[in-house]
Amino acid sequence: MFVNNLLADNPHISIFGFKIYAYAIIIVCGMIAAFFVISLLFKRRNMSADLFLTFFCICLPVAIITTRLFYCITDGLPISEWFSFESIRQGGLSIMGGILGGVVSVAVVCIVKKVNFFRVGDCIVVGLLLAQAIGRWGNFANQEVYGGLVTNESLQWFPFAVYIDKVQEWHYAFFFYESMANLLIATLLFINAWKNPNKPNGVNTACYFISYGLVRSIMEPLRDPVYILGDKVQWSFVTSLALLIGGVILLVILLLLNKKKEGAWIGSVRGEPYGIAEYIGDDKREIPYRTKVNMMCKIYPEKYHEKPTAEELAEEKARLAEEKRRAKEDSKEDEDA
């Protein structure tokens, strides 16, 4: 029964009669992978885990909602079905909507927390690309979002093409092409984020928009028409093109501004060369501890404190508890007096 469910048109597993679709499982796996990668890069690039959790708890729900909204609006779905349980169970998400919602929510949190948007974005885009690479396999599970028809029998093999059971035809495996492209770009951006602390912040963010916009601009018009969002206007293609152009403009602006201010395209010949020299926590009182992951600890060790041992933490906790007890006793004595 379990195997038959996974081989069904809409593969799933059943738990006490409730169907959990393979598509949803794969999407969640992508989110989990993104969580760990982004969290690691936050620590690597001199930001705290608590700050990451703030962004995660606020921006992820917003991105999920806008992912759904973008699909519903561009596909002409009736408003009554936008967030109905049955409609959601049938699917309908757009990565483009998630990107737009994510950008806006990250920007808002950055303003509130007074954090450089691009410094945060350079970490987030890596995890986002990884999640998108994994998420495309959900399309494989559902046999959807594929390319045009492949009639040449010599080309009817995976991963070049994929056999779609419901139409009994071979189609170009666009989900696989996009997944591999995203994975490659995510790897390159991860290496850059891991090893390059130099100014300006935002290079990874701009490269994400350029690369992802380019990939989607090429593939969107070539998909099977049933999977192209929009009737008269191909909204996914328009948005992809906008991301590509916007990314190029952003990268040029970032490099020009850095050249003007720092005297170099990358880094600085006039001052601090690193764009992540300042430690950023979720709270200004947060103490920056020395870790092996944070790349700035080796460059500026004097700015970081040794993390207390378990015994020291226990002693500090006991000391605070004793101070609290004494303060309570003194307050009671004053009341009695």
C-alpha atoms as a PDB file:
ATOM      1  CA  MET A   1       0.000   0.000   0.000  1.00  0.00           C
ATOM      2  CA  PHE A   2       2.817   2.402   0.937  1.00  0.00           C
ATOM      3  CA  VAL A   3       4.632   1.793  -2.367  1.00  0.00           C
ATOM      4  CA  ASN A   4       1.424   2.169  -4.378  1.00  0.00           C
ATOM      5  CA  ASN A   5       0.755   5.524  -2.721  1.00  0.00           C
ATOM      6  CA  LEU A   6       4.199   6.805  -3.707  1.00  0.00           C
ATOM      7  CA  LEU A   7       3.659   5.678  -7.295  1.00  0.00           C
ATOM      8  CA  ALA A   8       0.243   7.320  -7.578  1.00  0.00           C
ATOM      9  CA  ASP A   9      -0.480  10.356  -9.762  1.00  0.00           C
ATOM     10  CA  ASN A  10      -0.242  12.524  -6.629  1.00  0.00           C
ATOM     11  CA  PRO A  11       2.203  10.488  -4.476  1.00  0.00           C
ATOM     12  CA  HIS A  12       1.673  10.534  -0.727  1.00  0.00           C
ATOM     13  CA  ILE A  13       1.891   8.660   2.509  1.00  0.00           C
ATOM     14  CA  SER A  14      -1.106   8.066   4.769  1.00  0.00           C
ATOM     15  CA  ILE A  15      -1.007   8.470   8.546  1.00  0.00           C
ATOM     16  CA  PHE A  16      -4.228   7.428  10.252  1.00  0.00           C
ATOM     17  CA  GLY A  17      -6.056   8.060   6.997  1.00  0.00           C
ATOM     18  CA  PHE A  18      -4.641  11.568   6.525  1.00  0.00           C
ATOM     19  CA  LYS A  19      -2.698  12.010   3.299  1.00  0.00           C
ATOM     20  CA  ILE A  20       0.657  13.775   3.419  1.00  0.00           C
ATOM     21  CA  TYR A  21       1.749  14.460  -0.135  1.00  0.00           C
ATOM     22  CA  ALA A  22       5.305  13.921  -1.330  1.00  0.00           C
ATOM     23  CA  TYR A  23       5.331  17.477  -2.661  1.00  0.00           C
ATOM     24  CA  ALA A  24       4.746  18.863   0.852  1.00  0.00           C
ATOM     25  CA  ILE A  25       7.400  16.601   2.369  1.00  0.00           C
ATOM     26  CA  ILE A  26       9.974  17.738  -0.188  1.00  0.00           C
ATOM     27  CA  ILE A  27       9.119  21.423   0.347  1.00  0.00           C
ATOM     28  CA  VAL A  28       9.539  21.025   4.109  1.00  0.00           C
ATOM     29  CA  CYS A  29      12.891  19.284   3.558  1.00  0.00           C
ATOM     30  CA  GLY A  30      13.973  22.282   1.482  1.00  0.00           C
ATOM     31  CA  MET A  31      12.952  24.638   4.300  1.00  0.00           C
ATOM     32  CA  ILE A  32      14.896  22.611   6.869  1.00  0.00           C
ATOM     33  CA  ALA A  33      18.024  22.574   4.688  1.00  0.00           C
ATOM     34  CA  ALA A  34      17.733  26.333   4.151  1.00  0.00           C
ATOM     35  CA  PHE A  35      17.313  26.877   7.898  1.00  0.00           C
ATOM     36  CA  PHE A  36      20.623  25.196   8.730  1.00  0.00           C
ATOM     37  CA  VAL A  37      22.581  26.773   5.866  1.00  0.00           C
ATOM     38  CA  ILE A  38      21.391  30.313   6.595  1.00  0.00           C
ATOM     39  CA  SER A  39      21.935  29.844  10.334  1.00  0.00           C
ATOM     40  CA  LEU A  40      25.500  28.676   9.673  1.00  0.00           C
ATOM     41  CA  LEU A  41      26.235  31.631   7.399  1.00  0.00           C
ATOM     42  CA  PHE A  42      24.849  34.096   9.944  1.00  0.00           C
ATOM     43  CA  LYS A  43      27.372  32.781  12.473  1.00  0.00           C
ATOM     44  CA  ARG A  44      30.145  32.693   9.900  1.00  0.00           C
ATOM     45  CA  ARG A  45      29.506  36.277   8.851  1.00  0.00           C
ATOM     46  CA  ASN A  46      29.532  37.737  12.356  1.00  0.00           C
ATOM     47  CA  MET A  47      25.816  37.730  13.195  1.00  0.00           C
ATOM     48  CA  SER A  48      24.139  35.957  16.074  1.00  0.00           C
ATOM     49  CA  ALA A  49      21.891  32.903  16.037  1.00  0.00           C
ATOM     50  CA  ASP A  50      19.222  34.884  17.911  1.00  0.00           C
ATOM     51  CA  LEU A  51      19.151  37.476  15.128  1.00  0.00           C
ATOM     52  CA  PHE A  52      18.701  34.714  12.565  1.00  0.00           C
ATOM     53  CA  LEU A  53      15.771  33.258  14.511  1.00  0.00           C
ATOM     54  CA  THR A  54      14.077  36.658  14.507  1.00  0.00           C
ATOM     55  CA  PHE A  55      14.316  36.847  10.721  1.00  0.00           C
ATOM     56  CA  PHE A  56      13.240  33.223  10.323  1.00  0.00           C
ATOM     57  CA  CYS A  57      10.153  33.477  12.559  1.00  0.00           C
ATOM     58  CA  ILE A  58       8.915  36.643  10.845  1.00  0.00           C
ATOM     59  CA  CYS A  59       9.958  36.283   7.204  1.00  0.00           C
ATOM     60  CA  LEU A  60       9.154  32.613   6.588  1.00  0.00           C
ATOM     61  CA  PRO A  61       5.390  32.905   7.318  1.00  0.00           C
ATOM     62  CA  VAL A  62       5.184  36.053   5.178  1.00  0.00           C
ATOM     63  CA  ALA A  63       6.985  34.331   2.295  1.00  0.00           C
ATOM     64  CA  ILE A  64       4.673  31.298   2.499  1.00  0.00           C
ATOM     65  CA  ILE A  65       1.583  33.513   2.352  1.00  0.00           C
ATOM     66  CA  THR A  66       2.869  35.577  -0.598  1.00  0.00           C
ATOM     67  CA  THR A  67       3.922  32.389  -2.388  1.00  0.00           C
ATOM     68  CA  ARG A  68       0.285  31.347  -2.329  1.00  0.00           C
ATOM     69  CA  LEU A  69      -1.094  34.817  -3.087  1.00  0.00           C
ATOM     70  CA  PHE A  70       1.065  35.318  -6.188  1.00  0.00           C
ATOM     71  CA  TYR A  71      -0.148  32.020  -7.629  1.00  0.00           C
ATOM     72  CA  CYS A  72      -3.802  32.727  -6.850  1.00  0.00           C
ATOM     73  CA  ILE A  73      -3.731  36.238  -8.340  1.00  0.00           C
ATOM     74  CA  THR A  74      -1.793  35.422 -11.508  1.00  0.00           C
ATOM     75  CA  ASP A  75      -3.726  32.205 -12.123  1.00  0.00           C
ATOM     76  CA  GLY A  76      -7.110  33.909 -11.679  1.00  0.00           C
ATOM     77  CA  LEU A  77      -8.237  31.713  -8.785  1.00  0.00           C
ATOM     78  CA  PRO A  78     -11.484  32.888  -7.109  1.00  0.00           C
ATOM     79  CA  ILE A  79     -10.836  34.731  -3.837  1.00  0.00           C
ATOM     80  CA  SER A  80     -12.984  32.204  -1.957  1.00  0.00           C
ATOM     81  CA  GLU A  81     -10.440  29.494  -2.859  1.00  0.00           C
ATOM     82  CA  TRP A  82      -7.238  31.370  -2.047  1.00  0.00           C
ATOM     83  CA  PHE A  83      -6.835  29.965   1.442  1.00  0.00           C
ATOM     84  CA  SER A  84      -9.507  27.304   1.651  1.00  0.00           C
ATOM     85  CA  PHE A  85      -8.225  24.011   3.046  1.00  0.00           C
ATOM     86  CA  GLU A  86      -9.291  21.936   0.053  1.00  0.00           C
ATOM     87  CA  SER A  87      -7.839  24.388  -2.453  1.00  0.00           C
ATOM     88  CA  ILE A  88      -4.491  24.494  -0.658  1.00  0.00           C
ATOM     89  CA  ARG A  89      -4.413  20.702  -0.510  1.00  0.00           C
ATOM     90  CA  GLN A  90      -4.719  20.632  -4.297  1.00  0.00           C
ATOM     91  CA  GLY A  91      -1.530  22.720  -4.604  1.00  0.00           C
ATOM     92  CA  GLY A  92      -0.750  26.054  -6.168  1.00  0.00           C
ATOM     93  CA  LEU A  93       2.383  27.942  -5.140  1.00  0.00           C
ATOM     94  CA  SER A  94       4.660  30.402  -6.925  1.00  0.00           C
ATOM     95  CA  ILE A  95       8.288  30.836  -5.931  1.00  0.00           C
ATOM     96  CA  MET A  96       8.211  34.345  -7.397  1.00  0.00           C
ATOM     97  CA  GLY A  97       5.614  35.393  -4.839  1.00  0.00           C
ATOM     98  CA  GLY A  98       7.749  33.981  -2.050  1.00  0.00           C
ATOM     99  CA  ILE A  99      10.765  35.953  -3.248  1.00  0.00           C
ATOM    100  CA  LEU A 100       8.819  39.213  -3.359  1.00  0.00           C
ATOM    101  CA  GLY A 101       7.276  38.648   0.066  1.00  0.00           C
ATOM    102  CA  GLY A 102      10.620  37.581   1.492  1.00  0.00           C
ATOM    103  CA  VAL A 103      12.400  40.688   0.214  1.00  0.00           C
ATOM    104  CA  VAL A 104       9.799  43.016   1.707  1.00  0.00           C
ATOM    105  CA  SER A 105       9.666  41.248   5.084  1.00  0.00           C
ATOM    106  CA  VAL A 106      13.466  41.059   5.370  1.00  0.00           C
ATOM    107  CA  ALA A 107      13.678  44.769   4.554  1.00  0.00           C
ATOM    108  CA  VAL A 108      11.136  45.613   7.274  1.00  0.00           C
ATOM    109  CA  VAL A 109      12.965  43.560   9.917  1.00  0.00           C
ATOM    110  CA  CYS A 110      16.286  45.121   8.868  1.00  0.00           C
ATOM    111  CA  ILE A 111      14.823  48.599   9.331  1.00  0.00           C
ATOM    112  CA  VAL A 112      13.447  47.742  12.769  1.00  0.00           C
ATOM    113  CA  LYS A 113      16.655  46.010  13.886  1.00  0.00           C
ATOM    114  CA  LYS A 114      18.889  48.578  12.131  1.00  0.00           C
ATOM    115  CA  VAL A 115      20.760  45.890  10.195  1.00  0.00           C
ATOM    116  CA  ASN A 116      22.285  46.240   6.726  1.00  0.00           C
ATOM    117  CA  PHE A 117      19.785  44.605   4.348  1.00  0.00           C
ATOM    118  CA  PHE A 118      22.449  43.308   1.986  1.00  0.00           C
ATOM    119  CA  ARG A 119      24.528  41.781   4.754  1.00  0.00           C
ATOM    120  CA  VAL A 120      21.546  39.694   5.782  1.00  0.00           C
ATOM    121  CA  GLY A 121      20.508  39.055   2.182  1.00  0.00           C
ATOM    122  CA  ASP A 122      23.925  37.632   1.277  1.00  0.00           C
ATOM    123  CA  CYS A 123      23.256  34.783   3.717  1.00  0.00           C
ATOM    124  CA  ILE A 124      19.563  34.254   3.025  1.00  0.00           C
ATOM    125  CA  VAL A 125      19.844  33.919  -0.760  1.00  0.00           C
ATOM    126  CA  VAL A 126      22.120  30.879  -0.407  1.00  0.00           C
ATOM    127  CA  GLY A 127      19.571  28.984   1.661  1.00  0.00           C
ATOM    128  CA  LEU A 128      16.775  30.197  -0.595  1.00  0.00           C
ATOM    129  CA  LEU A 129      18.454  28.771  -3.682  1.00  0.00           C
ATOM    130  CA  LEU A 130      19.076  25.468  -1.917  1.00  0.00           C
ATOM    131  CA  ALA A 131      15.418  25.277  -0.884  1.00  0.00           C
ATOM    132  CA  GLN A 132      14.371  26.014  -4.475  1.00  0.00           C
ATOM    133  CA  ALA A 133      16.710  23.324  -5.806  1.00  0.00           C
ATOM    134  CA  ILE A 134      15.210  20.743  -3.442  1.00  0.00           C
ATOM    135  CA  GLY A 135      11.661  22.005  -3.944  1.00  0.00           C
ATOM    136  CA  ARG A 136      11.784  21.389  -7.695  1.00  0.00           C
ATOM    137  CA  TRP A 137      11.830  17.658  -6.968  1.00  0.00           C
ATOM    138  CA  GLY A 138       8.342  18.145  -5.602  1.00  0.00           C
ATOM    139  CA  ASN A 139       7.365  18.989  -9.175  1.00  0.00           C
ATOM    140  CA  PHE A 140       8.929  15.690 -10.219  1.00  0.00           C
ATOM    141  CA  ALA A 141       6.856  13.840  -7.623  1.00  0.00           C
ATOM    142  CA  ASN A 142       3.693  15.495  -8.948  1.00  0.00           C
ATOM    143  CA  GLN A 143       4.777  15.165 -12.594  1.00  0.00           C
ATOM    144  CA  GLU A 144       4.277  18.865 -13.261  1.00  0.00           C
ATOM    145  CA  VAL A 145       6.087  22.037 -14.403  1.00  0.00           C
ATOM    146  CA  TYR A 146       7.776  20.191 -17.253  1.00  0.00           C
ATOM    147  CA  GLY A 147       8.883  21.416 -20.647  1.00  0.00           C
ATOM    148  CA  GLY A 148       7.671  20.806 -24.165  1.00  0.00           C
ATOM    149  CA  LEU A 149       6.999  17.480 -25.823  1.00  0.00           C
ATOM    150  CA  VAL A 150       9.970  15.237 -26.745  1.00  0.00           C
ATOM    151  CA  THR A 151       9.071  13.225 -29.833  1.00  0.00           C
ATOM    152  CA  ASN A 152      12.559  11.989 -30.741  1.00  0.00           C
ATOM    153  CA  GLU A 153      12.821   8.531 -29.167  1.00  0.00           C
ATOM    154  CA  SER A 154      16.607   8.765 -28.896  1.00  0.00           C
ATOM    155  CA  LEU A 155      16.131  11.674 -26.481  1.00  0.00           C
ATOM    156  CA  GLN A 156      13.473  10.018 -24.356  1.00  0.00           C
ATOM    157  CA  TRP A 157      15.598   9.290 -21.299  1.00  0.00           C
ATOM    158  CA  PHE A 158      15.953  10.802 -17.843  1.00  0.00           C
ATOM    159  CA  PRO A 159      17.293  13.303 -16.872  1.00  0.00           C
ATOM    160  CA  PHE A 160      17.104  14.844 -20.339  1.00  0.00           C
ATOM    161  CA  ALA A 161      13.379  14.114 -20.487  1.00  0.00           C
ATOM    162  CA  VAL A 162      10.758  12.775 -18.103  1.00  0.00           C
ATOM    163  CA  TYR A 163       7.822  10.471 -18.787  1.00  0.00           C
ATOM    164  CA  ILE A 164       4.514  11.969 -17.668  1.00  0.00           C
ATOM    165  CA  ASP A 165       2.068   9.178 -16.830  1.00  0.00           C
ATOM    166  CA  LYS A 166      -1.097  11.254 -16.939  1.00  0.00           C
ATOM    167  CA  VAL A 167      -0.530  12.247 -20.572  1.00  0.00           C
ATOM    168  CA  GLN A 168       1.619   9.208 -21.455  1.00  0.00           C
ATOM    169  CA  GLU A 169       4.236  11.360 -23.166  1.00  0.00           C
ATOM    170  CA  TRP A 170       7.866  12.343 -22.753  1.00  0.00           C
ATOM    171  CA  HIS A 171       8.585  15.993 -21.934  1.00  0.00           C
ATOM    172  CA  TYR A 172      11.743  17.993 -21.276  1.00  0.00           C
ATOM    173  CA  ALA A 173      12.688  17.625 -17.582  1.00  0.00           C
ATOM    174  CA  PHE A 174      12.733  21.330 -16.804  1.00  0.00           C
ATOM    175  CA  PHE A 175      12.342  20.698 -13.076  1.00  0.00           C
ATOM    176  CA  PHE A 176      15.663  18.814 -13.160  1.00  0.00           C
ATOM    177  CA  TYR A 177      17.467  21.462 -15.226  1.00  0.00           C
ATOM    178  CA  GLU A 178      16.364  24.202 -12.851  1.00  0.00           C
ATOM    179  CA  SER A 179      17.138  22.147  -9.758  1.00  0.00           C
ATOM    180  CA  MET A 180      20.715  21.467 -10.884  1.00  0.00           C
ATOM    181  CA  ALA A 181      21.254  25.083 -11.951  1.00  0.00           C
ATOM    182  CA  ASN A 182      20.029  26.335  -8.572  1.00  0.00           C
ATOM    183  CA  LEU A 183      22.204  23.835  -6.725  1.00  0.00           C
ATOM    184  CA  LEU A 184      25.304  24.901  -8.668  1.00  0.00           C
ATOM    185  CA  ILE A 185      24.638  28.603  -8.093  1.00  0.00           C
ATOM    186  CA  ALA A 186      23.886  27.979  -4.392  1.00  0.00           C
ATOM    187  CA  THR A 187      27.236  26.197  -4.029  1.00  0.00           C
ATOM    188  CA  LEU A 188      29.146  29.071  -5.636  1.00  0.00           C
ATOM    189  CA  LEU A 189      27.367  31.687  -3.529  1.00  0.00           C
ATOM    190  CA  PHE A 190      27.956  29.638  -0.377  1.00  0.00           C
ATOM    191  CA  ILE A 191      31.696  29.491  -1.101  1.00  0.00           C
ATOM    192  CA  ASN A 192      31.761  33.245  -1.657  1.00  0.00           C
ATOM    193  CA  ALA A 193      29.824  33.932   1.554  1.00  0.00           C
ATOM    194  CA  TRP A 194      32.007  31.522   3.536  1.00  0.00           C
ATOM    195  CA  LYS A 195      35.385  32.819   2.358  1.00  0.00           C
ATOM    196  CA  ASN A 196      34.903  36.444   1.328  1.00  0.00           C
ATOM    197  CA  PRO A 197      34.361  39.015   4.131  1.00  0.00           C
ATOM    198  CA  ASN A 198      35.243  42.021   1.956  1.00  0.00           C
ATOM    199  CA  LYS A 199      33.104  45.027   1.100  1.00  0.00           C
ATOM    200  CA  PRO A 200      30.643  45.636  -0.410  1.00  0.00           C
ATOM    201  CA  ASN A 201      27.799  43.694   1.139  1.00  0.00           C
ATOM    202  CA  GLY A 202      25.152  42.734  -1.392  1.00  0.00           C
ATOM    203  CA  VAL A 203      27.233  41.014  -4.079  1.00  0.00           C
ATOM    204  CA  ASN A 204      25.700  37.618  -3.242  1.00  0.00           C
ATOM    205  CA  THR A 205      22.226  39.159  -3.211  1.00  0.00           C
ATOM    206  CA  ALA A 206      22.712  40.769  -6.620  1.00  0.00           C
ATOM    207  CA  CYS A 207      24.196  37.571  -8.088  1.00  0.00           C
ATOM    208  CA  TYR A 208      21.179  35.634  -6.810  1.00  0.00           C
ATOM    209  CA  PHE A 209      18.747  37.902  -8.648  1.00  0.00           C
ATOM    210  CA  ILE A 210      20.897  37.787 -11.793  1.00  0.00           C
ATOM    211  CA  SER A 211      21.379  34.032 -11.876  1.00  0.00           C
ATOM    212  CA  TYR A 212      17.901  33.028 -10.793  1.00  0.00           C
ATOM    213  CA  GLY A 213      16.271  35.602 -13.049  1.00  0.00           C
ATOM    214  CA  LEU A 214      18.365  34.355 -15.983  1.00  0.00           C
ATOM    215  CA  VAL A 215      17.503  30.696 -15.388  1.00  0.00           C
ATOM    216  CA  ARG A 216      13.801  31.393 -15.058  1.00  0.00           C
ATOM    217  CA  SER A 217      13.751  33.842 -18.004  1.00  0.00           C
ATOM    218  CA  ILE A 218      15.098  31.092 -20.251  1.00  0.00           C
ATOM    219  CA  MET A 219      12.879  28.296 -18.968  1.00  0.00           C
ATOM    220  CA  GLU A 220       9.535  29.996 -18.340  1.00  0.00           C
ATOM    221  CA  PRO A 221       8.582  30.588 -22.007  1.00  0.00           C
ATOM    222  CA  LEU A 222       9.583  27.009 -22.887  1.00  0.00           C
ATOM    223  CA  ARG A 223       7.428  25.256 -20.313  1.00  0.00           C
ATOM    224  CA  ASP A 224       4.324  23.374 -21.255  1.00  0.00           C
ATOM    225  CA  PRO A 225       1.627  26.098 -21.626  1.00  0.00           C
ATOM    226  CA  VAL A 226      -0.477  24.652 -18.814  1.00  0.00           C
ATOM    227  CA  TYR A 227       2.295  25.569 -16.337  1.00  0.00           C
ATOM    228  CA  ILE A 228       2.827  29.153 -17.466  1.00  0.00           C
ATOM    229  CA  LEU A 229       1.224  31.582 -15.011  1.00  0.00           C
ATOM    230  CA  GLY A 230      -0.987  34.172 -16.630  1.00  0.00           C
ATOM    231  CA  ASP A 231      -3.070  34.167 -19.777  1.00  0.00           C
ATOM    232  CA  LYS A 232      -2.411  37.334 -21.770  1.00  0.00           C
ATOM    233  CA  VAL A 233       0.702  38.178 -19.745  1.00  0.00           C
ATOM    234  CA  GLN A 234       3.217  35.525 -18.685  1.00  0.00           C
ATOM    235  CA  TRP A 235       3.714  36.881 -15.175  1.00  0.00           C
ATOM    236  CA  SER A 236       6.443  34.450 -14.172  1.00  0.00           C
ATOM    237  CA  PHE A 237       8.498  35.406 -17.216  1.00  0.00           C
ATOM    238  CA  VAL A 238       7.963  39.126 -16.625  1.00  0.00           C
ATOM    239  CA  THR A 239       8.979  38.768 -12.974  1.00  0.00           C
ATOM    240  CA  SER A 240      12.018  36.671 -13.911  1.00  0.00           C
ATOM    241  CA  LEU A 241      13.161  39.274 -16.404  1.00  0.00           C
ATOM    242  CA  ALA A 242      12.684  42.004 -13.807  1.00  0.00           C
ATOM    243  CA  LEU A 243      14.806  40.038 -11.309  1.00  0.00           C
ATOM    244  CA  LEU A 244      17.570  39.626 -13.895  1.00  0.00           C
ATOM    245  CA  ILE A 245      17.659  43.302 -14.891  1.00  0.00           C
ATOM    246  CA  GLY A 246      17.306  44.453 -11.291  1.00  0.00           C
ATOM    247  CA  GLY A 247      20.170  42.201 -10.206  1.00  0.00           C
ATOM    248  CA  VAL A 248      22.512  43.569 -12.880  1.00  0.00           C
ATOM    249  CA  ILE A 249      21.658  47.165 -11.952  1.00  0.00           C
ATOM    250  CA  LEU A 250      22.116  46.410  -8.244  1.00  0.00           C
ATOM    251  CA  LEU A 251      25.534  44.791  -8.768  1.00  0.00           C
ATOM    252  CA  VAL A 252      26.797  47.720 -10.863  1.00  0.00           C
ATOM    253  CA  ILE A 253      25.562  50.241  -8.282  1.00  0.00           C
ATOM    254  CA  LEU A 254      27.151  48.352  -5.373  1.00  0.00           C
ATOM    255  CA  LEU A 255      30.537  48.141  -7.088  1.00  0.00           C
ATOM    256  CA  LEU A 256      30.468  51.767  -8.241  1.00  0.00           C
ATOM    257  CA  LEU A 257      29.556  53.036  -4.778  1.00  0.00           C
ATOM    258  CA  ASN A 258      32.304  50.943  -3.192  1.00  0.00           C
ATOM    259  CA  LYS A 259      34.821  52.218  -5.739  1.00  0.00           C
ATOM    260  CA  LYS A 260      33.831  55.804  -4.997  1.00  0.00           C
ATOM    261  CA  LYS A 261      33.828  55.438  -1.217  1.00  0.00           C
ATOM    262  CA  GLU A 262      36.605  52.916  -0.618  1.00  0.00           C
ATOM    263  CA  GLY A 263      38.840  53.431  -3.667  1.00  0.00           C
ATOM    264  CA  ALA A 264      38.424  49.818  -4.831  1.00  0.00           C
ATOM    265  CA  TRP A 265      35.733  47.706  -6.472  1.00  0.00           C
ATOM    266  CA  ILE A 266      36.135  45.049  -3.750  1.00  0.00           C
ATOM    267  CA  GLY A 267      37.441  45.746  -0.251  1.00  0.00           C
ATOM    268  CA  SER A 268      38.998  49.109   0.619  1.00  0.00           C
ATOM    269  CA  VAL A 269      42.275  50.997   0.260  1.00  0.00           C
ATOM    270  CA  ARG A 270      41.145  53.838   2.514  1.00  0.00           C
ATOM    271  CA  GLY A 271      39.744  52.159   5.591  1.00  0.00           C
ATOM    272  CA  GLU A 272      38.165  48.971   6.928  1.00  0.00           C
ATOM    273  CA  PRO A 273      38.197  46.420   4.070  1.00  0.00           C
ATOM    274  CA  TYR A 274      35.677  44.063   5.623  1.00  0.00           C
ATOM    275  CA  GLY A 275      31.935  44.494   5.266  1.00  0.00           C
ATOM    276  CA  ILE A 276      31.184  42.233   8.252  1.00  0.00           C
ATOM    277  CA  ALA A 277      33.632  43.581  10.837  1.00  0.00           C
ATOM    278  CA  GLU A 278      30.860  44.748  13.157  1.00  0.00           C
ATOM    279  CA  TYR A 279      29.235  42.055  15.286  1.00  0.00           C
ATOM    280  CA  ILE A 280      25.438  42.177  15.069  1.00  0.00           C
ATOM    281  CA  GLY A 281      23.211  40.508  17.620  1.00  0.00           C
ATOM    282  CA  ASP A 282      19.480  40.467  18.131  1.00  0.00           C
ATOM    283  CA  ASP A 283      20.027  42.762  21.096  1.00  0.00           C
ATOM    284  CA  LYS A 284      22.680  45.461  21.527  1.00  0.00           C
ATOM    285  CA  ARG A 285      23.570  43.969  24.919  1.00  0.00           C
ATOM    286  CA  GLU A 286      24.386  40.611  23.352  1.00  0.00           C
ATOM    287  CA  ILE A 287      27.984  39.570  24.077  1.00  0.00           C
ATOM    288  CA  PRO A 288      30.069  38.461  21.062  1.00  0.00           C
ATOM    289  CA  TYR A 289      31.744  35.177  21.950  1.00  0.00           C
ATOM    290  CA  ARG A 290      34.730  33.718  20.132  1.00  0.00           C
ATOM    291  CA  THR A 291      33.839  30.728  17.927  1.00  0.00           C
ATOM    292  CA  LYS A 292      35.594  28.659  15.274  1.00  0.00           C
ATOM    293  CA  VAL A 293      32.860  29.399  12.727  1.00  0.00           C
ATOM    294  CA  ASN A 294      32.917  33.214  12.890  1.00  0.00           C
ATOM    295  CA  MET A 295      35.607  34.275  10.411  1.00  0.00           C
ATOM    296  CA  MET A 296      36.167  37.656  12.088  1.00  0.00           C
ATOM    297  CA  CYS A 297      37.317  36.063  15.358  1.00  0.00           C
ATOM    298  CA  LYS A 298      40.694  35.226  13.801  1.00  0.00           C
ATOM    299  CA  ILE A 299      41.071  38.669  12.251  1.00  0.00           C
ATOM    300  CA  TYR A 300      40.045  40.683  15.337  1.00  0.00           C
ATOM    301  CA  PRO A 301      40.369  38.277  18.307  1.00  0.00           C
ATOM    302  CA  GLU A 302      40.515  41.163  20.773  1.00  0.00           C
ATOM    303  CA  LYS A 303      36.882  42.058  20.026  1.00  0.00           C
ATOM    304  CA  TYR A 304      35.486  38.693  21.181  1.00  0.00           C
ATOM    305  CA  HIS A 305      35.062  37.084  24.570  1.00  0.00           C
ATOM    306  CA  GLU A 306      35.800  33.511  25.501  1.00  0.00           C
ATOM    307  CA  LYS A 307      32.598  31.582  25.891  1.00  0.00           C
ATOM    308  CA  PRO A 308      32.114  30.625  29.565  1.00  0.00           C
ATOM    309  CA  THR A 309      32.299  26.986  30.567  1.00  0.00           C
ATOM    310  CA  ALA A 310      29.324  25.102  31.969  1.00  0.00           C
ATOM    311  CA  GLU A 311      30.752  25.534  35.484  1.00  0.00           C
ATOM    312  CA  GLU A 312      31.153  29.288  34.999  1.00  0.00           C
ATOM    313  CA  LEU A 313      27.609  29.572  33.676  1.00  0.00           C
ATOM    314  CA  ALA A 314      26.327  27.649  36.692  1.00  0.00           C
ATOM    315  CA  GLU A 315      28.277  29.924  39.066  1.00  0.00           C
ATOM    316  CA  GLU A 316      26.936  33.037  37.317  1.00  0.00           C
ATOM    317  CA  LYS A 317      23.397  31.691  37.523  1.00  0.00           C
ATOM    318  CA  ALA A 318      23.831  30.958  41.222  1.00  0.00           C
ATOM    319  CA  ARG A 319      25.291  34.429  41.805  1.00  0.00           C
ATOM    320  CA  LEU A 320      22.334  36.119  40.087  1.00  0.00           C
ATOM    321  CA  ALA A 321      19.880  33.987  42.044  1.00  0.00           C
ATOM    322  CA  GLU A 322      21.605  34.945  45.309  1.00  0.00           C
ATOM    323  CA  GLU A 323      21.519  38.643  44.402  1.00  0.00           C
ATOM    324  CA  LYS A 324      17.838  38.345  43.610  1.00  0.00           C
ATOM    325  CA  ARG A 325      17.171  36.586  46.929  1.00  0.00           C
ATOM    326  CA  ARG A 326      19.042  39.242  48.905  1.00  0.00           C
ATOM    327  CA  ALA A 327      17.257  42.057  47.090  1.00  0.00           C
ATOM    328  CA  LYS A 328      13.927  40.426  47.931  1.00  0.00           C
ATOM    329  CA  GLU A 329      14.903  40.089  51.591  1.00  0.00           C
ATOM    330  CA  ASP A 330      16.072  43.725  51.770  1.00  0.00           C
ATOM    331  CA  SER A 331      12.811  44.853  50.219  1.00  0.00           C
ATOM    332  CA  LYS A 332      10.838  42.874  52.793  1.00  0.00           C
ATOM    333  CA  GLU A 333      12.880  44.340  55.676  1.00  0.00           C
ATOM    334  CA  ASP A 334      12.195  47.859  54.391  1.00  0.00           C
ATOM    335  CA  GLU A 335       8.465  47.122  54.280  1.00  0.00           C
ATOM    336  CA  ASP A 336       8.532  45.753  57.843  1.00  0.00           C
ATOM    337  CA  ALA A 337      10.437  48.811  59.065  1.00  0.00           C
END
